[in-house]
């Protein structure tokens, strides 16, 4: 697994996960439960991670870098 982005909230991470999955890239938010049960641990680190399979990492970063459509 490769972390493609760190988010400041679960909501942001889930939105990015949905964006990736809408582009055909399976994604996970491994910190989802931690952020709900012990949010103070997330702010000690890098935030909420969004991860993809290693072979999808470059494409996932490209998808996340695209500007939002109006």
C-alpha atoms as a PDB file:
ATOM      1  CA  UNK A   1       0.000   0.000   0.000  1.00  0.00           C
ATOM      2  CA  UNK A   2       1.122   3.522  -0.775  1.00  0.00           C
ATOM      3  CA  UNK A   3      -0.129   6.671   0.943  1.00  0.00           C
ATOM      4  CA  UNK A   4      -1.005   9.158  -1.789  1.00  0.00           C
ATOM      5  CA  UNK A   5      -2.311  12.003   0.366  1.00  0.00           C
ATOM      6  CA  UNK A   6      -2.623  13.077   4.007  1.00  0.00           C
ATOM      7  CA  UNK A   7      -5.827  14.888   4.950  1.00  0.00           C
ATOM      8  CA  UNK A   8      -6.728  17.070   7.904  1.00  0.00           C
ATOM      9  CA  UNK A   9     -10.099  15.371   8.464  1.00  0.00           C
ATOM     10  CA  UNK A  10     -11.919  12.122   7.823  1.00  0.00           C
ATOM     11  CA  UNK A  11     -14.420  13.987   5.649  1.00  0.00           C
ATOM     12  CA  UNK A  12     -11.677  15.242   3.356  1.00  0.00           C
ATOM     13  CA  UNK A  13     -10.092  11.779   3.203  1.00  0.00           C
ATOM     14  CA  UNK A  14     -13.405  10.120   2.353  1.00  0.00           C
ATOM     15  CA  UNK A  15     -14.027  12.689  -0.384  1.00  0.00           C
ATOM     16  CA  UNK A  16     -10.630  11.946  -1.932  1.00  0.00           C
ATOM     17  CA  UNK A  17     -11.264   8.202  -1.587  1.00  0.00           C
ATOM     18  CA  UNK A  18     -14.558   8.632  -3.469  1.00  0.00           C
ATOM     19  CA  UNK A  19     -12.820  10.659  -6.169  1.00  0.00           C
ATOM     20  CA  UNK A  20     -10.239   7.914  -6.651  1.00  0.00           C
ATOM     21  CA  UNK A  21     -12.822   5.132  -6.684  1.00  0.00           C
ATOM     22  CA  UNK A  22     -14.885   7.114  -9.192  1.00  0.00           C
ATOM     23  CA  UNK A  23     -11.804   7.026 -11.416  1.00  0.00           C
ATOM     24  CA  UNK A  24     -11.512   3.256 -11.045  1.00  0.00           C
ATOM     25  CA  UNK A  25      -8.798   3.234  -8.379  1.00  0.00           C
ATOM     26  CA  UNK A  26      -9.510   1.237  -5.224  1.00  0.00           C
ATOM     27  CA  UNK A  27      -8.604   3.322  -2.166  1.00  0.00           C
ATOM     28  CA  UNK A  28      -8.557   2.902   1.603  1.00  0.00           C
ATOM     29  CA  UNK A  29      -8.646   5.229   4.606  1.00  0.00           C
ATOM     30  CA  UNK A  30      -6.850   3.173   7.267  1.00  0.00           C
ATOM     31  CA  UNK A  31      -7.122   5.935   9.893  1.00  0.00           C
ATOM     32  CA  UNK A  32     -10.902   6.264   9.667  1.00  0.00           C
ATOM     33  CA  UNK A  33     -11.687   4.511  12.953  1.00  0.00           C
ATOM     34  CA  UNK A  34      -8.728   6.017  14.809  1.00  0.00           C
ATOM     35  CA  UNK A  35      -9.834   9.506  13.855  1.00  0.00           C
ATOM     36  CA  UNK A  36     -13.255   8.867  15.331  1.00  0.00           C
ATOM     37  CA  UNK A  37     -12.134   7.085  18.501  1.00  0.00           C
ATOM     38  CA  UNK A  38      -8.906   8.945  19.275  1.00  0.00           C
ATOM     39  CA  UNK A  39      -8.575  12.060  17.097  1.00  0.00           C
ATOM     40  CA  UNK A  40      -5.689  13.424  19.175  1.00  0.00           C
ATOM     41  CA  UNK A  41      -3.440  10.680  17.736  1.00  0.00           C
ATOM     42  CA  UNK A  42      -3.954  11.988  14.200  1.00  0.00           C
ATOM     43  CA  UNK A  43      -2.793  15.483  14.968  1.00  0.00           C
ATOM     44  CA  UNK A  44       0.377  14.112  16.549  1.00  0.00           C
ATOM     45  CA  UNK A  45       1.188  12.556  13.162  1.00  0.00           C
ATOM     46  CA  UNK A  46       0.423  13.539   9.604  1.00  0.00           C
ATOM     47  CA  UNK A  47      -3.355  13.365   9.623  1.00  0.00           C
ATOM     48  CA  UNK A  48      -5.715  10.949   7.902  1.00  0.00           C
ATOM     49  CA  UNK A  49      -4.057   8.833   5.205  1.00  0.00           C
ATOM     50  CA  UNK A  50      -5.580   7.810   1.868  1.00  0.00           C
ATOM     51  CA  UNK A  51      -3.866   4.737   0.462  1.00  0.00           C
ATOM     52  CA  UNK A  52      -3.933   2.810  -2.802  1.00  0.00           C
ATOM     53  CA  UNK A  53      -2.224  -0.269  -4.194  1.00  0.00           C
ATOM     54  CA  UNK A  54       1.430   0.426  -5.023  1.00  0.00           C
ATOM     55  CA  UNK A  55       0.888   0.006  -8.764  1.00  0.00           C
ATOM     56  CA  UNK A  56      -1.933   2.606  -8.718  1.00  0.00           C
ATOM     57  CA  UNK A  57      -0.020   5.301  -6.808  1.00  0.00           C
ATOM     58  CA  UNK A  58       1.136   7.386  -9.793  1.00  0.00           C
ATOM     59  CA  UNK A  59      -2.314   7.391 -11.396  1.00  0.00           C
ATOM     60  CA  UNK A  60      -3.951   8.209  -8.042  1.00  0.00           C
ATOM     61  CA  UNK A  61      -1.667  11.212  -7.548  1.00  0.00           C
ATOM     62  CA  UNK A  62      -2.488  12.364 -11.074  1.00  0.00           C
ATOM     63  CA  UNK A  63      -6.237  12.082 -10.407  1.00  0.00           C
ATOM     64  CA  UNK A  64      -5.939  13.983  -7.124  1.00  0.00           C
ATOM     65  CA  UNK A  65      -3.935  16.753  -8.826  1.00  0.00           C
ATOM     66  CA  UNK A  66      -6.591  17.414 -11.482  1.00  0.00           C
ATOM     67  CA  UNK A  67      -8.584  20.634 -11.002  1.00  0.00           C
ATOM     68  CA  UNK A  68     -12.208  20.233  -9.947  1.00  0.00           C
ATOM     69  CA  UNK A  69     -14.753  20.563 -12.722  1.00  0.00           C
ATOM     70  CA  UNK A  70     -17.248  23.429 -12.414  1.00  0.00           C
END
